Amino acid sequence: MKVEIWSDYICPFCYIGKRRFEHALEKFSHRDNVAVQFRSYQLDPTARHIPEKNFAETFSELKGMPLEQVYTMNEQMADQAKEVGLTYHFDTMKYSNTFDAHRITKLAAANGKEAALAERFFHAYFTDSELLSDKETLIRLAAEIGLDQEEAKDVLDGGKFRSKVNEDIELAKQLGVEGVPFFVFNEKYAVSGAQPEATFTQVLEKVWQEEQEQPILQSLTPNEKKTSYCTGDGCENE
């Protein structure tokens, strides 16, 4: 089974949704047969860190939302995160542009470390208050999960993986994705938002059951006639 997850590292619901999905996957009896791929998405392509302003002030100005409302919203979000074992520090969080972080994630994917880096980046942003638009920070975090620092530096100094990140973002548009997290199972079923763990459990079971009942490929051969074909036992010509 293939699961694709569109998310952004500055999206609080993305980390919560990721953890809820992971909790469901941990209990899924066929979890070893599930391949998870992280897809890039940017909630705010123009995002930038303003050192003299805290996260609430930046977000308030960005959304035109009263500051007190932002503080209330952040508190509620932190409570939801706590329910799944996550700690959010909105008081020290640094609003970041995530394009380079997504590029480094593509490097991690090429080295079989995509899941580890995605988790590290989410934790770095929401819990450790790291600036994910800072290149030195990205290189250090990449090294922590076993990526080569020089290779990470080369990616950030050049344009490598830009096209792959943009391809993910464009594909999201084609699929009609309007918000993240967005989960796609076997390129057929979509789950939008940080749904409850039970929802992910139901989808995993449904997709797995369907895989067992139906062949991966549907035959378009008329009358199922097999003309000039080969099997492990040899070839025939009917």
C-alpha atoms as a PDB file:
ATOM      1  CA  MET A   1       0.000   0.000   0.000  1.00  0.00           C
ATOM      2  CA  LYS A   2       1.222   3.468  -0.872  1.00  0.00           C
ATOM      3  CA  VAL A   3       0.430   6.533   1.234  1.00  0.00           C
ATOM      4  CA  GLU A   4       1.397  10.007   0.038  1.00  0.00           C
ATOM      5  CA  ILE A   5       1.273  12.879   2.529  1.00  0.00           C
ATOM      6  CA  TRP A   6       1.240  16.500   1.408  1.00  0.00           C
ATOM      7  CA  SER A   7       2.307  18.730   4.288  1.00  0.00           C
ATOM      8  CA  ASP A   8       4.259  21.839   5.241  1.00  0.00           C
ATOM      9  CA  TYR A   9       6.646  22.124   8.167  1.00  0.00           C
ATOM     10  CA  ILE A  10       5.034  25.331   9.485  1.00  0.00           C
ATOM     11  CA  CYS A  11       1.561  23.750   9.479  1.00  0.00           C
ATOM     12  CA  PRO A  12       0.519  22.861  13.058  1.00  0.00           C
ATOM     13  CA  PHE A  13      -2.221  20.494  11.917  1.00  0.00           C
ATOM     14  CA  CYS A  14       0.249  18.692   9.635  1.00  0.00           C
ATOM     15  CA  TYR A  15       2.366  17.535  12.580  1.00  0.00           C
ATOM     16  CA  ILE A  16      -0.746  16.553  14.549  1.00  0.00           C
ATOM     17  CA  GLY A  17      -2.203  14.718  11.547  1.00  0.00           C
ATOM     18  CA  LYS A  18       1.106  12.981  10.904  1.00  0.00           C
ATOM     19  CA  ARG A  19       1.215  11.714  14.474  1.00  0.00           C
ATOM     20  CA  ARG A  20      -2.409  10.524  14.418  1.00  0.00           C
ATOM     21  CA  PHE A  21      -1.740   8.640  11.189  1.00  0.00           C
ATOM     22  CA  GLU A  22       1.411   7.116  12.674  1.00  0.00           C
ATOM     23  CA  HIS A  23      -0.495   5.966  15.755  1.00  0.00           C
ATOM     24  CA  ALA A  24      -3.019   4.232  13.495  1.00  0.00           C
ATOM     25  CA  LEU A  25      -0.248   2.729  11.392  1.00  0.00           C
ATOM     26  CA  GLU A  26       1.550   1.362  14.469  1.00  0.00           C
ATOM     27  CA  LYS A  27      -1.551  -0.685  15.314  1.00  0.00           C
ATOM     28  CA  PHE A  28      -2.190  -1.780  11.716  1.00  0.00           C
ATOM     29  CA  SER A  29      -1.311  -5.464  11.368  1.00  0.00           C
ATOM     30  CA  HIS A  30       0.001  -4.994   7.813  1.00  0.00           C
ATOM     31  CA  ARG A  31       2.079  -1.899   8.546  1.00  0.00           C
ATOM     32  CA  ASP A  32       5.219  -3.472   7.074  1.00  0.00           C
ATOM     33  CA  ASN A  33       3.482  -3.451   3.700  1.00  0.00           C
ATOM     34  CA  VAL A  34       2.764   0.283   3.783  1.00  0.00           C
ATOM     35  CA  ALA A  35       5.125   2.682   1.995  1.00  0.00           C
ATOM     36  CA  VAL A  36       4.841   6.334   3.071  1.00  0.00           C
ATOM     37  CA  GLN A  37       5.995   9.199   0.866  1.00  0.00           C
ATOM     38  CA  PHE A  38       6.131  12.830   1.981  1.00  0.00           C
ATOM     39  CA  ARG A  39       5.065  15.399  -0.622  1.00  0.00           C
ATOM     40  CA  SER A  40       6.010  19.079  -0.545  1.00  0.00           C
ATOM     41  CA  TYR A  41       3.525  21.900   0.020  1.00  0.00           C
ATOM     42  CA  GLN A  42       3.890  25.554   0.993  1.00  0.00           C
ATOM     43  CA  LEU A  43       1.178  27.307   2.949  1.00  0.00           C
ATOM     44  CA  ASP A  44       2.954  30.626   2.460  1.00  0.00           C
ATOM     45  CA  PRO A  45       5.541  30.749  -0.353  1.00  0.00           C
ATOM     46  CA  THR A  46       6.355  34.350   0.642  1.00  0.00           C
ATOM     47  CA  ALA A  47       6.930  33.541   4.315  1.00  0.00           C
ATOM     48  CA  ARG A  48       9.876  35.215   6.027  1.00  0.00           C
ATOM     49  CA  HIS A  49      11.130  35.494   9.554  1.00  0.00           C
ATOM     50  CA  ILE A  50      10.991  38.932  11.178  1.00  0.00           C
ATOM     51  CA  PRO A  51      13.449  38.798  14.116  1.00  0.00           C
ATOM     52  CA  GLU A  52      11.951  41.735  16.012  1.00  0.00           C
ATOM     53  CA  LYS A  53       8.477  40.171  16.061  1.00  0.00           C
ATOM     54  CA  ASN A  54       7.289  36.996  17.743  1.00  0.00           C
ATOM     55  CA  PHE A  55       5.196  34.378  15.953  1.00  0.00           C
ATOM     56  CA  ALA A  56       1.863  35.718  17.217  1.00  0.00           C
ATOM     57  CA  GLU A  57       2.644  39.244  16.052  1.00  0.00           C
ATOM     58  CA  THR A  58       3.784  38.030  12.639  1.00  0.00           C
ATOM     59  CA  PHE A  59       0.726  35.822  12.204  1.00  0.00           C
ATOM     60  CA  SER A  60      -1.626  38.550  13.401  1.00  0.00           C
ATOM     61  CA  GLU A  61      -0.349  40.964  10.766  1.00  0.00           C
ATOM     62  CA  LEU A  62      -0.242  38.296   8.065  1.00  0.00           C
ATOM     63  CA  LYS A  63      -3.861  37.200   8.580  1.00  0.00           C
ATOM     64  CA  GLY A  64      -5.303  40.512   9.754  1.00  0.00           C
ATOM     65  CA  MET A  65      -6.360  38.789  12.950  1.00  0.00           C
ATOM     66  CA  PRO A  66      -6.513  40.440  16.412  1.00  0.00           C
ATOM     67  CA  LEU A  67      -3.466  39.532  18.489  1.00  0.00           C
ATOM     68  CA  GLU A  68      -5.540  38.165  21.370  1.00  0.00           C
ATOM     69  CA  GLN A  69      -7.359  35.876  18.955  1.00  0.00           C
ATOM     70  CA  VAL A  70      -4.043  34.529  17.718  1.00  0.00           C
ATOM     71  CA  TYR A  71      -2.892  33.818  21.279  1.00  0.00           C
ATOM     72  CA  THR A  72      -6.154  31.958  21.976  1.00  0.00           C
ATOM     73  CA  MET A  73      -5.867  29.984  18.758  1.00  0.00           C
ATOM     74  CA  ASN A  74      -2.259  29.036  19.533  1.00  0.00           C
ATOM     75  CA  GLU A  75      -3.210  27.851  23.001  1.00  0.00           C
ATOM     76  CA  GLN A  76      -5.967  25.651  21.597  1.00  0.00           C
ATOM     77  CA  MET A  77      -3.605  24.253  18.982  1.00  0.00           C
ATOM     78  CA  ALA A  78      -0.978  23.466  21.614  1.00  0.00           C
ATOM     79  CA  ASP A  79      -3.615  21.570  23.607  1.00  0.00           C
ATOM     80  CA  GLN A  80      -4.494  19.430  20.583  1.00  0.00           C
ATOM     81  CA  ALA A  81      -0.813  18.725  19.992  1.00  0.00           C
ATOM     82  CA  LYS A  82      -0.404  17.656  23.607  1.00  0.00           C
ATOM     83  CA  GLU A  83      -3.171  15.066  23.153  1.00  0.00           C
ATOM     84  CA  VAL A  84      -0.965  13.165  20.693  1.00  0.00           C
ATOM     85  CA  GLY A  85       2.260  13.618  22.669  1.00  0.00           C
ATOM     86  CA  LEU A  86       3.608  16.728  20.934  1.00  0.00           C
ATOM     87  CA  THR A  87       4.849  19.955  22.477  1.00  0.00           C
ATOM     88  CA  TYR A  88       4.303  23.264  20.674  1.00  0.00           C
ATOM     89  CA  HIS A  89       6.148  26.397  21.784  1.00  0.00           C
ATOM     90  CA  PHE A  90       4.337  29.216  20.013  1.00  0.00           C
ATOM     91  CA  ASP A  91       5.967  31.779  22.305  1.00  0.00           C
ATOM     92  CA  THR A  92       9.422  31.126  20.785  1.00  0.00           C
ATOM     93  CA  MET A  93       8.436  29.745  17.355  1.00  0.00           C
ATOM     94  CA  LYS A  94      10.131  31.370  14.355  1.00  0.00           C
ATOM     95  CA  TYR A  95       7.954  31.829  11.271  1.00  0.00           C
ATOM     96  CA  SER A  96       9.918  30.297   8.377  1.00  0.00           C
ATOM     97  CA  ASN A  97       9.928  29.889   4.633  1.00  0.00           C
ATOM     98  CA  THR A  98      10.071  26.130   4.057  1.00  0.00           C
ATOM     99  CA  PHE A  99      11.082  25.776   0.401  1.00  0.00           C
ATOM    100  CA  ASP A 100      14.696  24.874   1.202  1.00  0.00           C
ATOM    101  CA  ALA A 101      13.562  22.493   3.941  1.00  0.00           C
ATOM    102  CA  HIS A 102      11.470  20.663   1.360  1.00  0.00           C
ATOM    103  CA  ARG A 103      14.490  20.509  -0.965  1.00  0.00           C
ATOM    104  CA  ILE A 104      16.572  18.897   1.747  1.00  0.00           C
ATOM    105  CA  THR A 105      13.732  16.446   2.366  1.00  0.00           C
ATOM    106  CA  LYS A 106      14.073  15.359  -1.264  1.00  0.00           C
ATOM    107  CA  LEU A 107      17.773  14.753  -0.614  1.00  0.00           C
ATOM    108  CA  ALA A 108      16.808  12.669   2.408  1.00  0.00           C
ATOM    109  CA  ALA A 109      14.343  10.680   0.296  1.00  0.00           C
ATOM    110  CA  ALA A 110      17.110   9.889  -2.175  1.00  0.00           C
ATOM    111  CA  ASN A 111      19.101   8.477   0.752  1.00  0.00           C
ATOM    112  CA  GLY A 112      16.281   6.520   2.389  1.00  0.00           C
ATOM    113  CA  LYS A 113      15.975   8.960   5.302  1.00  0.00           C
ATOM    114  CA  GLU A 114      12.865  10.929   4.318  1.00  0.00           C
ATOM    115  CA  ALA A 115      10.697   9.937   7.293  1.00  0.00           C
ATOM    116  CA  ALA A 116      13.463  10.645   9.788  1.00  0.00           C
ATOM    117  CA  LEU A 117      14.113  14.123   8.412  1.00  0.00           C
ATOM    118  CA  ALA A 118      10.420  15.014   8.169  1.00  0.00           C
ATOM    119  CA  GLU A 119      10.030  14.182  11.847  1.00  0.00           C
ATOM    120  CA  ARG A 120      13.175  16.127  12.742  1.00  0.00           C
ATOM    121  CA  PHE A 121      12.052  19.220  10.852  1.00  0.00           C
ATOM    122  CA  PHE A 122       8.583  19.209  12.420  1.00  0.00           C
ATOM    123  CA  HIS A 123      10.034  18.792  15.895  1.00  0.00           C
ATOM    124  CA  ALA A 124      12.670  21.432  15.208  1.00  0.00           C
ATOM    125  CA  TYR A 125      10.069  24.002  14.214  1.00  0.00           C
ATOM    126  CA  PHE A 126       7.284  23.400  16.722  1.00  0.00           C
ATOM    127  CA  THR A 127       9.225  22.186  19.753  1.00  0.00           C
ATOM    128  CA  ASP A 128      12.799  23.438  19.417  1.00  0.00           C
ATOM    129  CA  SER A 129      11.906  26.823  17.853  1.00  0.00           C
ATOM    130  CA  GLU A 130      14.449  26.425  15.056  1.00  0.00           C
ATOM    131  CA  LEU A 131      14.438  28.733  12.018  1.00  0.00           C
ATOM    132  CA  LEU A 132      13.794  26.412   9.080  1.00  0.00           C
ATOM    133  CA  SER A 133      14.701  29.032   6.497  1.00  0.00           C
ATOM    134  CA  ASP A 134      18.264  29.261   7.828  1.00  0.00           C
ATOM    135  CA  LYS A 135      20.660  27.207   5.713  1.00  0.00           C
ATOM    136  CA  GLU A 136      23.120  26.429   8.510  1.00  0.00           C
ATOM    137  CA  THR A 137      20.242  25.177  10.645  1.00  0.00           C
ATOM    138  CA  LEU A 138      18.991  22.919   7.855  1.00  0.00           C
ATOM    139  CA  ILE A 139      22.478  21.480   7.302  1.00  0.00           C
ATOM    140  CA  ARG A 140      22.894  20.788  11.025  1.00  0.00           C
ATOM    141  CA  LEU A 141      19.492  19.114  11.332  1.00  0.00           C
ATOM    142  CA  ALA A 142      20.152  17.041   8.208  1.00  0.00           C
ATOM    143  CA  ALA A 143      23.448  15.853   9.697  1.00  0.00           C
ATOM    144  CA  GLU A 144      21.665  14.838  12.898  1.00  0.00           C
ATOM    145  CA  ILE A 145      19.694  12.175  11.025  1.00  0.00           C
ATOM    146  CA  GLY A 146      22.733  10.945   9.094  1.00  0.00           C
ATOM    147  CA  LEU A 147      22.842  12.996   5.900  1.00  0.00           C
ATOM    148  CA  ASP A 148      26.190  14.215   4.606  1.00  0.00           C
ATOM    149  CA  GLN A 149      26.708  17.872   5.529  1.00  0.00           C
ATOM    150  CA  GLU A 150      28.606  18.731   2.363  1.00  0.00           C
ATOM    151  CA  GLU A 151      25.941  17.140   0.206  1.00  0.00           C
ATOM    152  CA  ALA A 152      23.244  19.098   2.033  1.00  0.00           C
ATOM    153  CA  LYS A 153      25.265  22.291   1.602  1.00  0.00           C
ATOM    154  CA  ASP A 154      25.636  21.648  -2.120  1.00  0.00           C
ATOM    155  CA  VAL A 155      21.861  21.283  -2.439  1.00  0.00           C
ATOM    156  CA  LEU A 156      21.198  24.557  -0.648  1.00  0.00           C
ATOM    157  CA  ASP A 157      23.929  26.459  -2.491  1.00  0.00           C
ATOM    158  CA  GLY A 158      22.541  25.359  -5.864  1.00  0.00           C
ATOM    159  CA  GLY A 159      19.170  24.638  -7.388  1.00  0.00           C
ATOM    160  CA  LYS A 160      19.016  20.890  -6.869  1.00  0.00           C
ATOM    161  CA  PHE A 161      15.559  19.428  -6.098  1.00  0.00           C
ATOM    162  CA  ARG A 162      13.761  22.706  -6.857  1.00  0.00           C
ATOM    163  CA  SER A 163      11.902  21.037  -9.703  1.00  0.00           C
ATOM    164  CA  LYS A 164      10.870  18.073  -7.544  1.00  0.00           C
ATOM    165  CA  VAL A 165       9.434  20.358  -4.861  1.00  0.00           C
ATOM    166  CA  ASN A 166       7.581  22.359  -7.491  1.00  0.00           C
ATOM    167  CA  GLU A 167       6.270  19.148  -9.069  1.00  0.00           C
ATOM    168  CA  ASP A 168       4.714  18.144  -5.731  1.00  0.00           C
ATOM    169  CA  ILE A 169       3.120  21.557  -5.352  1.00  0.00           C
ATOM    170  CA  GLU A 170       1.776  21.466  -8.912  1.00  0.00           C
ATOM    171  CA  LEU A 171       0.417  17.948  -8.442  1.00  0.00           C
ATOM    172  CA  ALA A 172      -1.406  19.133  -5.331  1.00  0.00           C
ATOM    173  CA  LYS A 173      -3.084  21.825  -7.439  1.00  0.00           C
ATOM    174  CA  GLN A 174      -4.098  19.255 -10.037  1.00  0.00           C
ATOM    175  CA  LEU A 175      -5.631  17.094  -7.304  1.00  0.00           C
ATOM    176  CA  GLY A 176      -7.563  20.062  -5.970  1.00  0.00           C
ATOM    177  CA  VAL A 177      -5.718  20.188  -2.669  1.00  0.00           C
ATOM    178  CA  GLU A 178      -6.771  23.357  -0.842  1.00  0.00           C
ATOM    179  CA  GLY A 179      -5.157  22.660   2.520  1.00  0.00           C
ATOM    180  CA  VAL A 180      -2.821  20.320   4.328  1.00  0.00           C
ATOM    181  CA  PRO A 181      -2.273  17.746   5.655  1.00  0.00           C
ATOM    182  CA  PHE A 182      -3.625  15.802   2.705  1.00  0.00           C
ATOM    183  CA  PHE A 183      -3.272  12.015   2.546  1.00  0.00           C
ATOM    184  CA  VAL A 184      -3.663   9.928  -0.617  1.00  0.00           C
ATOM    185  CA  PHE A 185      -3.938   6.143  -0.354  1.00  0.00           C
ATOM    186  CA  ASN A 186      -2.973   4.066  -3.404  1.00  0.00           C
ATOM    187  CA  GLU A 187      -3.556   7.102  -5.650  1.00  0.00           C
ATOM    188  CA  LYS A 188      -7.278   6.472  -5.164  1.00  0.00           C
ATOM    189  CA  TYR A 189      -8.560   7.548  -1.742  1.00  0.00           C
ATOM    190  CA  ALA A 190      -8.003  10.951  -0.171  1.00  0.00           C
ATOM    191  CA  VAL A 191      -8.163  12.000   3.464  1.00  0.00           C
ATOM    192  CA  SER A 192      -8.046  15.725   4.099  1.00  0.00           C
ATOM    193  CA  GLY A 193      -6.999  17.284   7.391  1.00  0.00           C
ATOM    194  CA  ALA A 194      -5.744  16.017  10.740  1.00  0.00           C
ATOM    195  CA  GLN A 195      -8.463  13.409  11.083  1.00  0.00           C
ATOM    196  CA  PRO A 196      -8.904  11.304  14.245  1.00  0.00           C
ATOM    197  CA  GLU A 197      -6.801   8.175  14.557  1.00  0.00           C
ATOM    198  CA  ALA A 198      -9.918   6.041  14.074  1.00  0.00           C
ATOM    199  CA  THR A 199     -10.453   7.532  10.616  1.00  0.00           C
ATOM    200  CA  PHE A 200      -6.963   6.568   9.505  1.00  0.00           C
ATOM    201  CA  THR A 201      -7.475   3.078  10.930  1.00  0.00           C
ATOM    202  CA  GLN A 202     -10.669   2.646   8.903  1.00  0.00           C
ATOM    203  CA  VAL A 203      -9.021   3.844   5.699  1.00  0.00           C
ATOM    204  CA  LEU A 204      -6.000   1.577   6.147  1.00  0.00           C
ATOM    205  CA  GLU A 205      -8.269  -1.425   6.676  1.00  0.00           C
ATOM    206  CA  LYS A 206     -10.502  -0.526   3.723  1.00  0.00           C
ATOM    207  CA  VAL A 207      -7.644  -0.026   1.287  1.00  0.00           C
ATOM    208  CA  TRP A 208      -5.887  -3.185   2.436  1.00  0.00           C
ATOM    209  CA  GLN A 209      -9.056  -5.254   2.084  1.00  0.00           C
ATOM    210  CA  GLU A 210      -9.651  -3.862  -1.384  1.00  0.00           C
ATOM    211  CA  GLU A 211      -6.095  -4.739  -2.396  1.00  0.00           C
ATOM    212  CA  GLN A 212      -6.706  -8.357  -1.427  1.00  0.00           C
ATOM    213  CA  GLU A 213     -10.020  -8.610  -3.231  1.00  0.00           C
ATOM    214  CA  GLN A 214      -9.066  -6.961  -6.520  1.00  0.00           C
ATOM    215  CA  PRO A 215      -6.039  -7.438  -8.766  1.00  0.00           C
ATOM    216  CA  ILE A 216      -3.772  -4.422  -9.005  1.00  0.00           C
ATOM    217  CA  LEU A 217      -4.308  -4.346 -12.789  1.00  0.00           C
ATOM    218  CA  GLN A 218      -7.711  -4.700 -14.434  1.00  0.00           C
ATOM    219  CA  SER A 219      -7.610  -6.739 -17.652  1.00  0.00           C
ATOM    220  CA  LEU A 220      -8.860  -5.099 -20.860  1.00  0.00           C
ATOM    221  CA  THR A 221      -8.306  -8.234 -22.956  1.00  0.00           C
ATOM    222  CA  PRO A 222     -11.565  -9.161 -24.796  1.00  0.00           C
ATOM    223  CA  ASN A 223     -13.191 -12.215 -23.244  1.00  0.00           C
ATOM    224  CA  GLU A 224     -10.067 -12.716 -21.142  1.00  0.00           C
ATOM    225  CA  LYS A 225      -8.461 -14.473 -24.125  1.00  0.00           C
ATOM    226  CA  LYS A 226      -4.757 -14.956 -23.683  1.00  0.00           C
ATOM    227  CA  THR A 227      -3.153 -14.859 -27.126  1.00  0.00           C
ATOM    228  CA  SER A 228       0.538 -15.584 -27.516  1.00  0.00           C
ATOM    229  CA  TYR A 229       1.582 -15.403 -23.903  1.00  0.00           C
ATOM    230  CA  CYS A 230       4.286 -16.754 -21.643  1.00  0.00           C
ATOM    231  CA  THR A 231       4.269 -18.044 -18.078  1.00  0.00           C
ATOM    232  CA  GLY A 232       6.933 -19.483 -15.852  1.00  0.00           C
ATOM    233  CA  ASP A 233       6.190 -22.827 -17.465  1.00  0.00           C
ATOM    234  CA  GLY A 234       6.779 -21.666 -21.025  1.00  0.00           C
ATOM    235  CA  CYS A 235       5.006 -19.919 -23.929  1.00  0.00           C
ATOM    236  CA  GLU A 236       1.822 -20.704 -25.796  1.00  0.00           C
ATOM    237  CA  ASN A 237       0.173 -19.421 -28.934  1.00  0.00           C
ATOM    238  CA  GLU A 238      -3.628 -19.697 -28.940  1.00  0.00           C
END
